[in-house]
């Protein structure tokens, strides 16, 4: 895991620099800078709307007495998308904008859940029956 993160921290800035140089040589430096700032501002605006919508979905689920698991995970993905959108560059902006699309975001979340990254191996959604589960038992308190 450490190696993957290390490679990402090396590769992503190199990709960003390469794309910025290519775009800057094609359209000029001032317009490239404008595009980088514009995509960050547009991303922040879209992120705000998506965040408020996700918060409203979480509140609605809690009012119904449900645990807003997917909405909470969407919030985590939105925080990561916000960090990517505010990072200068076109590559990270593209990934951040993709994370703002609700169907893609939910599909990503379900793929992560299915791979068992949020629990013990084999605890994905296909590993047990859906619906309420009741565990019966007795307990006693030792002081």
C-alpha atoms as a PDB file:
ATOM      1  CA  UNK A   1       0.000   0.000   0.000  1.00  0.00           C
ATOM      2  CA  UNK A   2       2.853   2.373   0.856  1.00  0.00           C
ATOM      3  CA  UNK A   3       4.501   1.724  -2.517  1.00  0.00           C
ATOM      4  CA  UNK A   4       1.300   2.498  -4.378  1.00  0.00           C
ATOM      5  CA  UNK A   5       0.845   5.794  -2.520  1.00  0.00           C
ATOM      6  CA  UNK A   6       4.488   6.677  -3.079  1.00  0.00           C
ATOM      7  CA  UNK A   7       4.162   6.012  -6.821  1.00  0.00           C
ATOM      8  CA  UNK A   8       0.979   8.084  -6.955  1.00  0.00           C
ATOM      9  CA  UNK A   9       2.671  10.996  -5.212  1.00  0.00           C
ATOM     10  CA  UNK A  10       5.419  10.822  -7.820  1.00  0.00           C
ATOM     11  CA  UNK A  11       3.332  10.079 -10.904  1.00  0.00           C
ATOM     12  CA  UNK A  12       0.458  12.526 -10.482  1.00  0.00           C
ATOM     13  CA  UNK A  13       2.594  15.702 -10.324  1.00  0.00           C
ATOM     14  CA  UNK A  14       4.590  14.506 -13.335  1.00  0.00           C
ATOM     15  CA  UNK A  15       1.388  13.886 -15.292  1.00  0.00           C
ATOM     16  CA  UNK A  16       0.057  17.310 -14.255  1.00  0.00           C
ATOM     17  CA  UNK A  17       3.242  19.097 -15.306  1.00  0.00           C
ATOM     18  CA  UNK A  18       3.287  17.282 -18.651  1.00  0.00           C
ATOM     19  CA  UNK A  19      -0.354  18.171 -19.388  1.00  0.00           C
ATOM     20  CA  UNK A  20       0.107  21.796 -18.269  1.00  0.00           C
ATOM     21  CA  UNK A  21       3.139  22.181 -20.554  1.00  0.00           C
ATOM     22  CA  UNK A  22       1.286  20.660 -23.513  1.00  0.00           C
ATOM     23  CA  UNK A  23      -1.841  22.761 -22.979  1.00  0.00           C
ATOM     24  CA  UNK A  24       0.216  25.892 -22.292  1.00  0.00           C
ATOM     25  CA  UNK A  25       2.195  25.470 -25.509  1.00  0.00           C
ATOM     26  CA  UNK A  26      -1.018  24.943 -27.483  1.00  0.00           C
ATOM     27  CA  UNK A  27      -3.173  27.793 -26.110  1.00  0.00           C
ATOM     28  CA  UNK A  28      -0.723  30.013 -24.251  1.00  0.00           C
ATOM     29  CA  UNK A  29       0.189  30.466 -20.608  1.00  0.00           C
ATOM     30  CA  UNK A  30      -2.408  33.144 -19.637  1.00  0.00           C
ATOM     31  CA  UNK A  31      -5.332  31.123 -20.966  1.00  0.00           C
ATOM     32  CA  UNK A  32      -3.975  27.952 -19.350  1.00  0.00           C
ATOM     33  CA  UNK A  33      -3.793  29.706 -15.978  1.00  0.00           C
ATOM     34  CA  UNK A  34      -7.325  31.017 -16.507  1.00  0.00           C
ATOM     35  CA  UNK A  35      -8.575  27.487 -17.253  1.00  0.00           C
ATOM     36  CA  UNK A  36      -6.915  26.066 -14.132  1.00  0.00           C
ATOM     37  CA  UNK A  37      -8.495  28.744 -11.925  1.00  0.00           C
ATOM     38  CA  UNK A  38     -11.858  28.430 -13.715  1.00  0.00           C
ATOM     39  CA  UNK A  39     -12.020  24.646 -13.264  1.00  0.00           C
ATOM     40  CA  UNK A  40     -11.191  25.035  -9.560  1.00  0.00           C
ATOM     41  CA  UNK A  41     -13.966  27.629  -9.098  1.00  0.00           C
ATOM     42  CA  UNK A  42     -16.487  25.607 -11.116  1.00  0.00           C
ATOM     43  CA  UNK A  43     -15.547  22.468  -9.202  1.00  0.00           C
ATOM     44  CA  UNK A  44     -16.015  24.224  -5.858  1.00  0.00           C
ATOM     45  CA  UNK A  45     -19.465  25.442  -6.935  1.00  0.00           C
ATOM     46  CA  UNK A  46     -20.565  22.000  -8.147  1.00  0.00           C
ATOM     47  CA  UNK A  47     -19.081  20.400  -5.040  1.00  0.00           C
ATOM     48  CA  UNK A  48     -21.175  22.686  -2.849  1.00  0.00           C
ATOM     49  CA  UNK A  49     -24.401  21.668  -4.615  1.00  0.00           C
ATOM     50  CA  UNK A  50     -23.531  17.973  -4.502  1.00  0.00           C
ATOM     51  CA  UNK A  51     -22.550  18.220  -0.833  1.00  0.00           C
ATOM     52  CA  UNK A  52     -25.810  19.918   0.133  1.00  0.00           C
ATOM     53  CA  UNK A  53     -27.789  17.331  -1.840  1.00  0.00           C
ATOM     54  CA  UNK A  54     -25.932  14.476  -0.136  1.00  0.00           C
ATOM     55  CA  UNK A  55     -26.469  16.068   3.281  1.00  0.00           C
ATOM     56  CA  UNK A  56     -30.194  16.351   2.567  1.00  0.00           C
ATOM     57  CA  UNK A  57     -30.339  12.671   1.552  1.00  0.00           C
ATOM     58  CA  UNK A  58     -28.563  11.701   4.777  1.00  0.00           C
ATOM     59  CA  UNK A  59     -31.000  13.755   6.871  1.00  0.00           C
ATOM     60  CA  UNK A  60     -33.980  12.209   5.079  1.00  0.00           C
ATOM     61  CA  UNK A  61     -32.645   8.710   5.708  1.00  0.00           C
ATOM     62  CA  UNK A  62     -32.060   9.480   9.396  1.00  0.00           C
ATOM     63  CA  UNK A  63     -35.597  10.889   9.730  1.00  0.00           C
ATOM     64  CA  UNK A  64     -36.886   7.554   8.404  1.00  0.00           C
ATOM     65  CA  UNK A  65     -34.816   5.795  11.050  1.00  0.00           C
ATOM     66  CA  UNK A  66     -32.279   4.384   8.582  1.00  0.00           C
ATOM     67  CA  UNK A  67     -28.520   4.567   8.747  1.00  0.00           C
ATOM     68  CA  UNK A  68     -27.330   6.819   5.869  1.00  0.00           C
ATOM     69  CA  UNK A  69     -24.335   4.632   5.012  1.00  0.00           C
ATOM     70  CA  UNK A  70     -24.147   5.351   1.288  1.00  0.00           C
ATOM     71  CA  UNK A  71     -24.715   9.080   1.836  1.00  0.00           C
ATOM     72  CA  UNK A  72     -21.885   9.148   4.380  1.00  0.00           C
ATOM     73  CA  UNK A  73     -19.537   7.339   2.002  1.00  0.00           C
ATOM     74  CA  UNK A  74     -20.581   9.727  -0.748  1.00  0.00           C
ATOM     75  CA  UNK A  75     -19.564  12.549   1.586  1.00  0.00           C
ATOM     76  CA  UNK A  76     -16.099  11.004   1.910  1.00  0.00           C
ATOM     77  CA  UNK A  77     -15.814  10.715  -1.878  1.00  0.00           C
ATOM     78  CA  UNK A  78     -16.945  14.342  -2.209  1.00  0.00           C
ATOM     79  CA  UNK A  79     -14.240  15.495   0.209  1.00  0.00           C
ATOM     80  CA  UNK A  80     -11.628  13.674  -1.887  1.00  0.00           C
ATOM     81  CA  UNK A  81     -13.154  15.146  -5.064  1.00  0.00           C
ATOM     82  CA  UNK A  82     -12.938  18.616  -3.530  1.00  0.00           C
ATOM     83  CA  UNK A  83      -9.260  18.152  -2.744  1.00  0.00           C
ATOM     84  CA  UNK A  84      -8.636  16.969  -6.304  1.00  0.00           C
ATOM     85  CA  UNK A  85     -10.578  19.887  -7.796  1.00  0.00           C
ATOM     86  CA  UNK A  86      -8.685  22.464  -5.761  1.00  0.00           C
ATOM     87  CA  UNK A  87      -5.335  20.933  -6.735  1.00  0.00           C
ATOM     88  CA  UNK A  88      -4.038  22.873  -9.752  1.00  0.00           C
ATOM     89  CA  UNK A  89      -4.019  20.799 -12.907  1.00  0.00           C
ATOM     90  CA  UNK A  90      -6.227  19.197 -15.499  1.00  0.00           C
ATOM     91  CA  UNK A  91      -5.690  15.519 -14.627  1.00  0.00           C
ATOM     92  CA  UNK A  92      -6.793  15.866 -11.005  1.00  0.00           C
ATOM     93  CA  UNK A  93      -9.675  18.109 -12.105  1.00  0.00           C
ATOM     94  CA  UNK A  94     -10.894  15.419 -14.508  1.00  0.00           C
ATOM     95  CA  UNK A  95     -10.873  12.794 -11.743  1.00  0.00           C
ATOM     96  CA  UNK A  96     -12.566  15.237  -9.356  1.00  0.00           C
ATOM     97  CA  UNK A  97     -15.295  16.091 -11.862  1.00  0.00           C
ATOM     98  CA  UNK A  98     -15.930  12.380 -12.480  1.00  0.00           C
ATOM     99  CA  UNK A  99     -16.422  11.913  -8.722  1.00  0.00           C
ATOM    100  CA  UNK A 100     -19.099  14.628  -8.800  1.00  0.00           C
ATOM    101  CA  UNK A 101     -21.318  12.580 -11.128  1.00  0.00           C
ATOM    102  CA  UNK A 102     -23.736  10.786  -8.741  1.00  0.00           C
ATOM    103  CA  UNK A 103     -24.139   7.481 -10.674  1.00  0.00           C
ATOM    104  CA  UNK A 104     -20.366   7.138 -11.102  1.00  0.00           C
ATOM    105  CA  UNK A 105     -19.784   8.023  -7.460  1.00  0.00           C
ATOM    106  CA  UNK A 106     -22.284   5.413  -6.243  1.00  0.00           C
ATOM    107  CA  UNK A 107     -20.858   2.762  -8.565  1.00  0.00           C
ATOM    108  CA  UNK A 108     -17.377   3.490  -7.195  1.00  0.00           C
ATOM    109  CA  UNK A 109     -18.659   3.190  -3.621  1.00  0.00           C
ATOM    110  CA  UNK A 110     -20.352  -0.153  -4.324  1.00  0.00           C
ATOM    111  CA  UNK A 111     -17.192  -1.486  -5.993  1.00  0.00           C
ATOM    112  CA  UNK A 112     -15.168  -0.536  -2.918  1.00  0.00           C
ATOM    113  CA  UNK A 113     -17.737  -2.142  -0.607  1.00  0.00           C
ATOM    114  CA  UNK A 114     -17.818  -5.321  -2.718  1.00  0.00           C
ATOM    115  CA  UNK A 115     -14.041  -5.628  -2.536  1.00  0.00           C
ATOM    116  CA  UNK A 116     -14.355  -5.718   1.251  1.00  0.00           C
ATOM    117  CA  UNK A 117     -12.385  -2.548   1.941  1.00  0.00           C
ATOM    118  CA  UNK A 118     -14.846  -1.441   4.645  1.00  0.00           C
ATOM    119  CA  UNK A 119     -14.935  -4.561   6.744  1.00  0.00           C
ATOM    120  CA  UNK A 120     -13.500  -8.034   7.077  1.00  0.00           C
ATOM    121  CA  UNK A 121     -12.902  -9.984   3.861  1.00  0.00           C
ATOM    122  CA  UNK A 122     -16.072 -11.518   2.540  1.00  0.00           C
ATOM    123  CA  UNK A 123     -18.305  -8.934   4.203  1.00  0.00           C
ATOM    124  CA  UNK A 124     -19.465  -7.269   0.992  1.00  0.00           C
ATOM    125  CA  UNK A 125     -23.133  -6.796   0.108  1.00  0.00           C
ATOM    126  CA  UNK A 126     -23.368 -10.101  -1.768  1.00  0.00           C
ATOM    127  CA  UNK A 127     -22.111 -12.146   1.188  1.00  0.00           C
ATOM    128  CA  UNK A 128     -25.279 -12.106   3.279  1.00  0.00           C
ATOM    129  CA  UNK A 129     -29.004 -11.711   2.913  1.00  0.00           C
ATOM    130  CA  UNK A 130     -30.288  -8.187   2.662  1.00  0.00           C
ATOM    131  CA  UNK A 131     -32.804  -6.904   5.146  1.00  0.00           C
ATOM    132  CA  UNK A 132     -32.969  -6.685   8.899  1.00  0.00           C
ATOM    133  CA  UNK A 133     -30.989  -9.194  10.922  1.00  0.00           C
ATOM    134  CA  UNK A 134     -31.779 -10.091  14.499  1.00  0.00           C
ATOM    135  CA  UNK A 135     -29.206 -11.617  16.814  1.00  0.00           C
ATOM    136  CA  UNK A 136     -30.733 -13.119  19.919  1.00  0.00           C
ATOM    137  CA  UNK A 137     -28.826 -13.718  23.118  1.00  0.00           C
ATOM    138  CA  UNK A 138     -28.612 -13.194  26.856  1.00  0.00           C
ATOM    139  CA  UNK A 139     -26.251 -11.016  28.817  1.00  0.00           C
ATOM    140  CA  UNK A 140     -25.352 -10.296  32.375  1.00  0.00           C
ATOM    141  CA  UNK A 141     -23.360  -7.470  33.879  1.00  0.00           C
ATOM    142  CA  UNK A 142     -20.222  -8.075  35.916  1.00  0.00           C
ATOM    143  CA  UNK A 143     -19.183  -5.224  38.186  1.00  0.00           C
END
